[in-house]
Amino acid sequence: MEQQPHGGGLLSPPELSPLEQEILEEYERLATNMKTLATLLDDLASNPTVGILDGLRELERKTSLAFTLLKASVYSIVLQQEIDWGAGDGDGDGDGGEQEG
């Protein structure tokens, strides 16, 4: 009896229609891509995240420093405006606004 096993492997190309062959090739490409993706995900999962965490901590420190400098700059500008306005008000009124502090 010369029967081909149905579950033992793929049919030979002459027994497949062109559409069936194309579908099988597409599934093969998909399987290859999925294996590549699984390998990359395994690599990402196995690598220690210490480097990433260290980078994020450094970024947090730099961001905090930049925010502090920004607040200091804004405070300096506001303070300078108050001094300027106080000096402008004190010129004609004689209320002594310049001698605060």
PDB file of N, CA and C in Angstrom:
ATOM      1  N   MET A   1       0.837  -1.170   0.000  1.00  0.00           N
ATOM      2  CA  MET A   1       0.000   0.000   0.000  1.00  0.00           C
ATOM      3  C   MET A   1       0.880   1.230   0.000  1.00  0.00           C
ATOM      4  N   GLU A   2       0.659   2.064  -0.962  1.00  0.00           N
ATOM      5  CA  GLU A   2       1.446   3.278  -1.072  1.00  0.00           C
ATOM      6  C   GLU A   2       0.576   4.491  -0.742  1.00  0.00           C
ATOM      7  N   GLN A   3       0.337   4.674   0.523  1.00  0.00           N
ATOM      8  CA  GLN A   3      -0.412   5.845   0.963  1.00  0.00           C
ATOM      9  C   GLN A   3       0.548   6.802   1.639  1.00  0.00           C
ATOM     10  N   GLN A   4       0.349   8.048   1.348  1.00  0.00           N
ATOM     11  CA  GLN A   4       1.181   9.050   2.012  1.00  0.00           C
ATOM     12  C   GLN A   4       0.569   9.367   3.366  1.00  0.00           C
ATOM     13  N   PRO A   5       1.406   9.486   4.370  1.00  0.00           N
ATOM     14  CA  PRO A   5       0.868   9.873   5.680  1.00  0.00           C
ATOM     15  C   PRO A   5       0.416  11.327   5.647  1.00  0.00           C
ATOM     16  N   HIS A   6      -0.748  11.564   6.194  1.00  0.00           N
ATOM     17  CA  HIS A   6      -1.284  12.926   6.181  1.00  0.00           C
ATOM     18  C   HIS A   6      -0.691  13.781   7.290  1.00  0.00           C
ATOM     19  N   GLY A   7      -0.357  13.192   8.430  1.00  0.00           N
ATOM     20  CA  GLY A   7       0.158  13.986   9.530  1.00  0.00           C
ATOM     21  C   GLY A   7       1.672  13.963   9.612  1.00  0.00           C
ATOM     22  N   GLY A   8       2.341  13.188   8.772  1.00  0.00           N
ATOM     23  CA  GLY A   8       3.770  13.022   8.881  1.00  0.00           C
ATOM     24  C   GLY A   8       4.580  14.105   8.216  1.00  0.00           C
ATOM     25  N   GLY A   9       3.996  14.953   7.446  1.00  0.00           N
ATOM     26  CA  GLY A   9       4.748  16.014   6.794  1.00  0.00           C
ATOM     27  C   GLY A   9       3.916  16.692   5.730  1.00  0.00           C
ATOM     28  N   LEU A  10       4.529  17.642   5.059  1.00  0.00           N
ATOM     29  CA  LEU A  10       3.831  18.383   4.014  1.00  0.00           C
ATOM     30  C   LEU A  10       3.747  17.544   2.753  1.00  0.00           C
ATOM     31  N   LEU A  11       2.756  17.817   1.974  1.00  0.00           N
ATOM     32  CA  LEU A  11       2.632  17.153   0.682  1.00  0.00           C
ATOM     33  C   LEU A  11       3.682  17.700  -0.262  1.00  0.00           C
ATOM     34  N   SER A  12       4.062  16.924  -1.217  1.00  0.00           N
ATOM     35  CA  SER A  12       5.060  17.402  -2.173  1.00  0.00           C
ATOM     36  C   SER A  12       4.441  18.485  -3.045  1.00  0.00           C
ATOM     37  N   PRO A  13       5.242  19.409  -3.547  1.00  0.00           N
ATOM     38  CA  PRO A  13       4.716  20.546  -4.307  1.00  0.00           C
ATOM     39  C   PRO A  13       3.817  20.192  -5.489  1.00  0.00           C
ATOM     40  N   PRO A  14       4.055  19.121  -6.255  1.00  0.00           N
ATOM     41  CA  PRO A  14       3.138  18.848  -7.371  1.00  0.00           C
ATOM     42  C   PRO A  14       1.715  18.522  -6.930  1.00  0.00           C
ATOM     43  N   GLU A  15       1.533  18.067  -5.700  1.00  0.00           N
ATOM     44  CA  GLU A  15       0.201  17.709  -5.231  1.00  0.00           C
ATOM     45  C   GLU A  15      -0.545  18.903  -4.634  1.00  0.00           C
ATOM     46  N   LEU A  16       0.111  20.054  -4.552  1.00  0.00           N
ATOM     47  CA  LEU A  16      -0.512  21.250  -4.002  1.00  0.00           C
ATOM     48  C   LEU A  16      -0.851  22.230  -5.114  1.00  0.00           C
ATOM     49  N   SER A  17      -1.939  22.930  -4.925  1.00  0.00           N
ATOM     50  CA  SER A  17      -2.266  23.986  -5.878  1.00  0.00           C
ATOM     51  C   SER A  17      -1.334  25.167  -5.609  1.00  0.00           C
ATOM     52  N   PRO A  18      -1.181  26.067  -6.565  1.00  0.00           N
ATOM     53  CA  PRO A  18      -0.322  27.239  -6.335  1.00  0.00           C
ATOM     54  C   PRO A  18      -0.763  28.066  -5.127  1.00  0.00           C
ATOM     55  N   LEU A  19      -2.053  28.192  -4.933  1.00  0.00           N
ATOM     56  CA  LEU A  19      -2.553  28.949  -3.787  1.00  0.00           C
ATOM     57  C   LEU A  19      -2.186  28.261  -2.477  1.00  0.00           C
ATOM     58  N   GLU A  20      -2.347  26.933  -2.443  1.00  0.00           N
ATOM     59  CA  GLU A  20      -1.980  26.191  -1.238  1.00  0.00           C
ATOM     60  C   GLU A  20      -0.487  26.314  -0.949  1.00  0.00           C
ATOM     61  N   GLN A  21       0.322  26.233  -1.993  1.00  0.00           N
ATOM     62  CA  GLN A  21       1.767  26.366  -1.818  1.00  0.00           C
ATOM     63  C   GLN A  21       2.124  27.760  -1.287  1.00  0.00           C
ATOM     64  N   GLU A  22       1.468  28.776  -1.820  1.00  0.00           N
ATOM     65  CA  GLU A  22       1.725  30.144  -1.373  1.00  0.00           C
ATOM     66  C   GLU A  22       1.326  30.332   0.092  1.00  0.00           C
ATOM     67  N   ILE A  23       0.208  29.748   0.475  1.00  0.00           N
ATOM     68  CA  ILE A  23      -0.244  29.838   1.863  1.00  0.00           C
ATOM     69  C   ILE A  23       0.741  29.148   2.797  1.00  0.00           C
ATOM     70  N   LEU A  24       1.219  27.973   2.403  1.00  0.00           N
ATOM     71  CA  LEU A  24       2.194  27.262   3.231  1.00  0.00           C
ATOM     72  C   LEU A  24       3.492  28.049   3.368  1.00  0.00           C
ATOM     73  N   GLU A  25       3.927  28.679   2.295  1.00  0.00           N
ATOM     74  CA  GLU A  25       5.147  29.490   2.353  1.00  0.00           C
ATOM     75  C   GLU A  25       4.948  30.699   3.275  1.00  0.00           C
ATOM     76  N   GLU A  26       3.765  31.279   3.218  1.00  0.00           N
ATOM     77  CA  GLU A  26       3.475  32.424   4.090  1.00  0.00           C
ATOM     78  C   GLU A  26       3.468  31.989   5.558  1.00  0.00           C
ATOM     79  N   TYR A  27       2.884  30.824   5.835  1.00  0.00           N
ATOM     80  CA  TYR A  27       2.915  30.291   7.198  1.00  0.00           C
ATOM     81  C   TYR A  27       4.344  30.010   7.655  1.00  0.00           C
ATOM     82  N   GLU A  28       5.176  29.539   6.746  1.00  0.00           N
ATOM     83  CA  GLU A  28       6.574  29.284   7.085  1.00  0.00           C
ATOM     84  C   GLU A  28       7.288  30.589   7.438  1.00  0.00           C
ATOM     85  N   ARG A  29       7.032  31.647   6.654  1.00  0.00           N
ATOM     86  CA  ARG A  29       7.625  32.951   6.966  1.00  0.00           C
ATOM     87  C   ARG A  29       7.120  33.475   8.310  1.00  0.00           C
ATOM     88  N   LEU A  30       5.840  33.284   8.554  1.00  0.00           N
ATOM     89  CA  LEU A  30       5.263  33.714   9.826  1.00  0.00           C
ATOM     90  C   LEU A  30       5.897  32.964  10.995  1.00  0.00           C
ATOM     91  N   ALA A  31       6.075  31.657  10.840  1.00  0.00           N
ATOM     92  CA  ALA A  31       6.701  30.862  11.900  1.00  0.00           C
ATOM     93  C   ALA A  31       8.129  31.321  12.152  1.00  0.00           C
ATOM     94  N   THR A  32       8.863  31.630  11.085  1.00  0.00           N
ATOM     95  CA  THR A  32      10.236  32.123  11.236  1.00  0.00           C
ATOM     96  C   THR A  32      10.246  33.458  11.967  1.00  0.00           C
ATOM     97  N   ASN A  33       9.342  34.350  11.596  1.00  0.00           N
ATOM     98  CA  ASN A  33       9.260  35.655  12.266  1.00  0.00           C
ATOM     99  C   ASN A  33       8.891  35.501  13.743  1.00  0.00           C
ATOM    100  N   MET A  34       7.983  34.580  14.041  1.00  0.00           N
ATOM    101  CA  MET A  34       7.588  34.357  15.431  1.00  0.00           C
ATOM    102  C   MET A  34       8.751  33.797  16.247  1.00  0.00           C
ATOM    103  N   LYS A  35       9.544  32.908  15.648  1.00  0.00           N
ATOM    104  CA  LYS A  35      10.717  32.372  16.350  1.00  0.00           C
ATOM    105  C   LYS A  35      11.730  33.479  16.606  1.00  0.00           C
ATOM    106  N   THR A  36      11.923  34.356  15.627  1.00  0.00           N
ATOM    107  CA  THR A  36      12.845  35.483  15.800  1.00  0.00           C
ATOM    108  C   THR A  36      12.354  36.401  16.916  1.00  0.00           C
ATOM    109  N   LEU A  37      11.069  36.689  16.920  1.00  0.00           N
ATOM    110  CA  LEU A  37      10.484  37.527  17.967  1.00  0.00           C
ATOM    111  C   LEU A  37      10.648  36.887  19.339  1.00  0.00           C
ATOM    112  N   ALA A  38      10.405  35.581  19.429  1.00  0.00           N
ATOM    113  CA  ALA A  38      10.555  34.885  20.706  1.00  0.00           C
ATOM    114  C   ALA A  38      11.993  34.949  21.199  1.00  0.00           C
ATOM    115  N   THR A  39      12.946  34.811  20.281  1.00  0.00           N
ATOM    116  CA  THR A  39      14.360  34.899  20.657  1.00  0.00           C
ATOM    117  C   THR A  39      14.694  36.288  21.179  1.00  0.00           C
ATOM    118  N   LEU A  40      14.225  37.320  20.486  1.00  0.00           N
ATOM    119  CA  LEU A  40      14.486  38.690  20.927  1.00  0.00           C
ATOM    120  C   LEU A  40      13.847  38.978  22.283  1.00  0.00           C
ATOM    121  N   LEU A  41      12.641  38.489  22.488  1.00  0.00           N
ATOM    122  CA  LEU A  41      11.973  38.703  23.770  1.00  0.00           C
ATOM    123  C   LEU A  41      12.687  37.966  24.893  1.00  0.00           C
ATOM    124  N   ASP A  42      13.197  36.770  24.604  1.00  0.00           N
ATOM    125  CA  ASP A  42      13.982  36.044  25.606  1.00  0.00           C
ATOM    126  C   ASP A  42      15.231  36.824  25.974  1.00  0.00           C
ATOM    127  N   ASP A  43      15.899  37.391  24.968  1.00  0.00           N
ATOM    128  CA  ASP A  43      17.099  38.190  25.232  1.00  0.00           C
ATOM    129  C   ASP A  43      16.761  39.403  26.091  1.00  0.00           C
ATOM    130  N   LEU A  44      15.669  40.081  25.764  1.00  0.00           N
ATOM    131  CA  LEU A  44      15.273  41.254  26.544  1.00  0.00           C
ATOM    132  C   LEU A  44      14.906  40.877  27.977  1.00  0.00           C
ATOM    133  N   ALA A  45      14.233  39.749  28.123  1.00  0.00           N
ATOM    134  CA  ALA A  45      13.803  39.324  29.453  1.00  0.00           C
ATOM    135  C   ALA A  45      14.978  38.851  30.300  1.00  0.00           C
ATOM    136  N   SER A  46      15.988  38.286  29.668  1.00  0.00           N
ATOM    137  CA  SER A  46      17.110  37.747  30.434  1.00  0.00           C
ATOM    138  C   SER A  46      18.148  38.804  30.783  1.00  0.00           C
ATOM    139  N   ASN A  47      18.201  39.888  30.023  1.00  0.00           N
ATOM    140  CA  ASN A  47      19.172  40.940  30.324  1.00  0.00           C
ATOM    141  C   ASN A  47      18.776  41.646  31.607  1.00  0.00           C
ATOM    142  N   PRO A  48      19.751  41.964  32.428  1.00  0.00           N
ATOM    143  CA  PRO A  48      19.415  42.662  33.670  1.00  0.00           C
ATOM    144  C   PRO A  48      18.934  44.075  33.377  1.00  0.00           C
ATOM    145  N   THR A  49      17.965  44.484  34.151  1.00  0.00           N
ATOM    146  CA  THR A  49      17.412  45.825  33.966  1.00  0.00           C
ATOM    147  C   THR A  49      18.158  46.858  34.796  1.00  0.00           C
ATOM    148  N   VAL A  50      19.268  46.440  35.399  1.00  0.00           N
ATOM    149  CA  VAL A  50      20.043  47.357  36.232  1.00  0.00           C
ATOM    150  C   VAL A  50      20.516  48.548  35.410  1.00  0.00           C
ATOM    151  N   GLY A  51      20.984  48.285  34.202  1.00  0.00           N
ATOM    152  CA  GLY A  51      21.448  49.375  33.344  1.00  0.00           C
ATOM    153  C   GLY A  51      20.343  50.358  33.023  1.00  0.00           C
ATOM    154  N   ILE A  52      19.168  49.834  32.754  1.00  0.00           N
ATOM    155  CA  ILE A  52      18.032  50.704  32.447  1.00  0.00           C
ATOM    156  C   ILE A  52      17.658  51.528  33.681  1.00  0.00           C
ATOM    157  N   LEU A  53      17.619  50.871  34.832  1.00  0.00           N
ATOM    158  CA  LEU A  53      17.270  51.589  36.062  1.00  0.00           C
ATOM    159  C   LEU A  53      18.303  52.655  36.399  1.00  0.00           C
ATOM    160  N   ASP A  54      19.576  52.345  36.217  1.00  0.00           N
ATOM    161  CA  ASP A  54      20.615  53.350  36.471  1.00  0.00           C
ATOM    162  C   ASP A  54      20.455  54.551  35.547  1.00  0.00           C
ATOM    163  N   GLY A  55      20.154  54.276  34.288  1.00  0.00           N
ATOM    164  CA  GLY A  55      19.936  55.364  33.339  1.00  0.00           C
ATOM    165  C   GLY A  55      18.749  56.227  33.727  1.00  0.00           C
ATOM    166  N   LEU A  56      17.675  55.585  34.183  1.00  0.00           N
ATOM    167  CA  LEU A  56      16.498  56.341  34.604  1.00  0.00           C
ATOM    168  C   LEU A  56      16.774  57.160  35.861  1.00  0.00           C
ATOM    169  N   ARG A  57      17.557  56.609  36.785  1.00  0.00           N
ATOM    170  CA  ARG A  57      17.907  57.373  37.993  1.00  0.00           C
ATOM    171  C   ARG A  57      18.731  58.604  37.636  1.00  0.00           C
ATOM    172  N   GLU A  58      19.682  58.422  36.737  1.00  0.00           N
ATOM    173  CA  GLU A  58      20.500  59.563  36.308  1.00  0.00           C
ATOM    174  C   GLU A  58      19.636  60.618  35.632  1.00  0.00           C
ATOM    175  N   LEU A  59      18.710  60.177  34.792  1.00  0.00           N
ATOM    176  CA  LEU A  59      17.799  61.108  34.134  1.00  0.00           C
ATOM    177  C   LEU A  59      16.933  61.840  35.157  1.00  0.00           C
ATOM    178  N   GLU A  60      16.492  61.125  36.183  1.00  0.00           N
ATOM    179  CA  GLU A  60      15.681  61.755  37.228  1.00  0.00           C
ATOM    180  C   GLU A  60      16.481  62.826  37.967  1.00  0.00           C
ATOM    181  N   ARG A  61      17.747  62.546  38.272  1.00  0.00           N
ATOM    182  CA  ARG A  61      18.586  63.542  38.947  1.00  0.00           C
ATOM    183  C   ARG A  61      18.771  64.778  38.078  1.00  0.00           C
ATOM    184  N   LYS A  62      19.029  64.559  36.796  1.00  0.00           N
ATOM    185  CA  LYS A  62      19.232  65.698  35.896  1.00  0.00           C
ATOM    186  C   LYS A  62      17.952  66.510  35.754  1.00  0.00           C
ATOM    187  N   THR A  63      16.826  65.826  35.656  1.00  0.00           N
ATOM    188  CA  THR A  63      15.545  66.519  35.537  1.00  0.00           C
ATOM    189  C   THR A  63      15.253  67.318  36.801  1.00  0.00           C
ATOM    190  N   SER A  64      15.541  66.728  37.947  1.00  0.00           N
ATOM    191  CA  SER A  64      15.329  67.431  39.211  1.00  0.00           C
ATOM    192  C   SER A  64      16.204  68.675  39.292  1.00  0.00           C
ATOM    193  N   LEU A  65      17.449  68.551  38.872  1.00  0.00           N
ATOM    194  CA  LEU A  65      18.352  69.706  38.880  1.00  0.00           C
ATOM    195  C   LEU A  65      17.847  70.801  37.943  1.00  0.00           C
ATOM    196  N   ALA A  66      17.416  70.403  36.750  1.00  0.00           N
ATOM    197  CA  ALA A  66      16.909  71.389  35.791  1.00  0.00           C
ATOM    198  C   ALA A  66      15.659  72.077  36.345  1.00  0.00           C
ATOM    199  N   PHE A  67      14.788  71.326  37.010  1.00  0.00           N
ATOM    200  CA  PHE A  67      13.579  71.910  37.586  1.00  0.00           C
ATOM    201  C   PHE A  67      13.928  72.898  38.699  1.00  0.00           C
ATOM    202  N   THR A  68      14.903  72.529  39.529  1.00  0.00           N
ATOM    203  CA  THR A  68      15.338  73.431  40.598  1.00  0.00           C
ATOM    204  C   THR A  68      15.911  74.718  40.024  1.00  0.00           C
ATOM    205  N   LEU A  69      16.729  74.599  38.995  1.00  0.00           N
ATOM    206  CA  LEU A  69      17.293  75.792  38.357  1.00  0.00           C
ATOM    207  C   LEU A  69      16.199  76.653  37.732  1.00  0.00           C
ATOM    208  N   LEU A  70      15.205  76.023  37.143  1.00  0.00           N
ATOM    209  CA  LEU A  70      14.091  76.769  36.560  1.00  0.00           C
ATOM    210  C   LEU A  70      13.324  77.528  37.639  1.00  0.00           C
ATOM    211  N   LYS A  71      13.046  76.856  38.755  1.00  0.00           N
ATOM    212  CA  LYS A  71      12.341  77.536  39.846  1.00  0.00           C
ATOM    213  C   LYS A  71      13.154  78.714  40.370  1.00  0.00           C
ATOM    214  N   ALA A  72      14.465  78.529  40.504  1.00  0.00           N
ATOM    215  CA  ALA A  72      15.317  79.619  40.985  1.00  0.00           C
ATOM    216  C   ALA A  72      15.306  80.783  40.006  1.00  0.00           C
ATOM    217  N   SER A  73      15.318  80.488  38.719  1.00  0.00           N
ATOM    218  CA  SER A  73      15.289  81.552  37.712  1.00  0.00           C
ATOM    219  C   SER A  73      13.972  82.316  37.759  1.00  0.00           C
ATOM    220  N   VAL A  74      12.876  81.585  37.862  1.00  0.00           N
ATOM    221  CA  VAL A  74      11.570  82.237  37.933  1.00  0.00           C
ATOM    222  C   VAL A  74      11.484  83.085  39.198  1.00  0.00           C
ATOM    223  N   TYR A  75      11.955  82.563  40.318  1.00  0.00           N
ATOM    224  CA  TYR A  75      11.944  83.328  41.565  1.00  0.00           C
ATOM    225  C   TYR A  75      12.785  84.591  41.430  1.00  0.00           C
ATOM    226  N   SER A  76      13.934  84.470  40.799  1.00  0.00           N
ATOM    227  CA  SER A  76      14.807  85.629  40.602  1.00  0.00           C
ATOM    228  C   SER A  76      14.127  86.687  39.744  1.00  0.00           C
ATOM    229  N   ILE A  77      13.451  86.264  38.688  1.00  0.00           N
ATOM    230  CA  ILE A  77      12.751  87.213  37.807  1.00  0.00           C
ATOM    231  C   ILE A  77      11.626  87.909  38.569  1.00  0.00           C
ATOM    232  N   VAL A  78      10.839  87.135  39.312  1.00  0.00           N
ATOM    233  CA  VAL A  78       9.733  87.717  40.077  1.00  0.00           C
ATOM    234  C   VAL A  78      10.262  88.687  41.125  1.00  0.00           C
ATOM    235  N   LEU A  79      11.311  88.299  41.815  1.00  0.00           N
ATOM    236  CA  LEU A  79      11.907  89.168  42.828  1.00  0.00           C
ATOM    237  C   LEU A  79      12.436  90.456  42.209  1.00  0.00           C
ATOM    238  N   GLN A  80      13.080  90.343  41.058  1.00  0.00           N
ATOM    239  CA  GLN A  80      13.605  91.530  40.382  1.00  0.00           C
ATOM    240  C   GLN A  80      12.470  92.450  39.948  1.00  0.00           C
ATOM    241  N   GLN A  81      11.370  91.877  39.467  1.00  0.00           N
ATOM    242  CA  GLN A  81      10.218  92.698  39.078  1.00  0.00           C
ATOM    243  C   GLN A  81       9.631  93.416  40.286  1.00  0.00           C
ATOM    244  N   GLU A  82       9.546  92.719  41.418  1.00  0.00           N
ATOM    245  CA  GLU A  82       9.024  93.360  42.625  1.00  0.00           C
ATOM    246  C   GLU A  82       9.931  94.500  43.067  1.00  0.00           C
ATOM    247  N   ILE A  83      11.237  94.281  42.960  1.00  0.00           N
ATOM    248  CA  ILE A  83      12.182  95.344  43.325  1.00  0.00           C
ATOM    249  C   ILE A  83      12.021  96.530  42.388  1.00  0.00           C
ATOM    250  N   ASP A  84      11.913  96.246  41.084  1.00  0.00           N
ATOM    251  CA  ASP A  84      11.748  97.327  40.106  1.00  0.00           C
ATOM    252  C   ASP A  84      10.445  98.079  40.335  1.00  0.00           C
ATOM    253  N   TRP A  85       9.361  97.366  40.577  1.00  0.00           N
ATOM    254  CA  TRP A  85       8.085  98.025  40.811  1.00  0.00           C
ATOM    255  C   TRP A  85       8.118  98.816  42.116  1.00  0.00           C
ATOM    256  N   GLY A  86       8.778  98.259  43.100  1.00  0.00           N
ATOM    257  CA  GLY A  86       8.900  98.966  44.378  1.00  0.00           C
ATOM    258  C   GLY A  86       9.711 100.236  44.220  1.00  0.00           C
ATOM    259  N   ALA A  87      10.757 100.193  43.409  1.00  0.00           N
ATOM    260  CA  ALA A  87      11.586 101.375  43.173  1.00  0.00           C
ATOM    261  C   ALA A  87      10.800 102.411  42.386  1.00  0.00           C
ATOM    262  N   GLY A  88       9.983 101.982  41.459  1.00  0.00           N
ATOM    263  CA  GLY A  88       9.165 102.898  40.664  1.00  0.00           C
ATOM    264  C   GLY A  88       8.097 103.554  41.507  1.00  0.00           C
ATOM    265  N   ASP A  89       7.500 102.819  42.430  1.00  0.00           N
ATOM    266  CA  ASP A  89       6.476 103.379  43.306  1.00  0.00           C
ATOM    267  C   ASP A  89       7.087 104.318  44.335  1.00  0.00           C
ATOM    268  N   GLY A  90       8.287 104.059  44.751  1.00  0.00           N
ATOM    269  CA  GLY A  90       8.914 104.836  45.812  1.00  0.00           C
ATOM    270  C   GLY A  90       9.485 106.152  45.348  1.00  0.00           C
ATOM    271  N   ASP A  91       9.594 106.418  44.063  1.00  0.00           N
ATOM    272  CA  ASP A  91      10.217 107.644  43.574  1.00  0.00           C
ATOM    273  C   ASP A  91       9.403 108.877  43.944  1.00  0.00           C
ATOM    274  N   GLY A  92       8.099 108.839  43.742  1.00  0.00           N
ATOM    275  CA  GLY A  92       7.311 110.050  43.947  1.00  0.00           C
ATOM    276  C   GLY A  92       6.527 110.033  45.235  1.00  0.00           C
ATOM    277  N   ASP A  93       6.299 108.882  45.827  1.00  0.00           N
ATOM    278  CA  ASP A  93       5.419 108.791  46.977  1.00  0.00           C
ATOM    279  C   ASP A  93       6.134 109.026  48.294  1.00  0.00           C
ATOM    280  N   GLY A  94       7.357 108.623  48.371  1.00  0.00           N
ATOM    281  CA  GLY A  94       8.094 108.777  49.614  1.00  0.00           C
ATOM    282  C   GLY A  94       7.643 107.793  50.672  1.00  0.00           C
ATOM    283  N   ASP A  95       7.114 106.643  50.268  1.00  0.00           N
ATOM    284  CA  ASP A  95       6.623 105.679  51.243  1.00  0.00           C
ATOM    285  C   ASP A  95       7.706 104.753  51.776  1.00  0.00           C
ATOM    286  N   GLY A  96       8.921 104.849  51.254  1.00  0.00           N
ATOM    287  CA  GLY A  96      10.016 104.044  51.766  1.00  0.00           C
ATOM    288  C   GLY A  96       9.972 102.611  51.305  1.00  0.00           C
ATOM    289  N   GLY A  97       9.392 102.348  50.175  1.00  0.00           N
ATOM    290  CA  GLY A  97       9.282 100.992  49.664  1.00  0.00           C
ATOM    291  C   GLY A  97      10.621 100.363  49.347  1.00  0.00           C
ATOM    292  N   GLU A  98      11.639 101.168  49.132  1.00  0.00           N
ATOM    293  CA  GLU A  98      12.947 100.635  48.770  1.00  0.00           C
ATOM    294  C   GLU A  98      13.708 100.108  49.974  1.00  0.00           C
ATOM    295  N   GLN A  99      13.308 100.437  51.160  1.00  0.00           N
ATOM    296  CA  GLN A  99      14.074 100.080  52.343  1.00  0.00           C
ATOM    297  C   GLN A  99      13.535  98.832  53.017  1.00  0.00           C
ATOM    298  N   GLU A 100      12.766  98.048  52.314  1.00  0.00           N
ATOM    299  CA  GLU A 100      12.238  96.824  52.888  1.00  0.00           C
ATOM    300  C   GLU A 100      13.340  95.780  52.992  1.00  0.00           C
ATOM    301  N   GLY A 101      13.154  94.860  53.913  1.00  0.00           N
ATOM    302  CA  GLY A 101      13.950  93.683  53.945  1.00  0.00           C
ATOM    303  C   GLY A 101      15.156  93.710  54.708  1.00  0.00           C
TER     304      GLY A 101
END
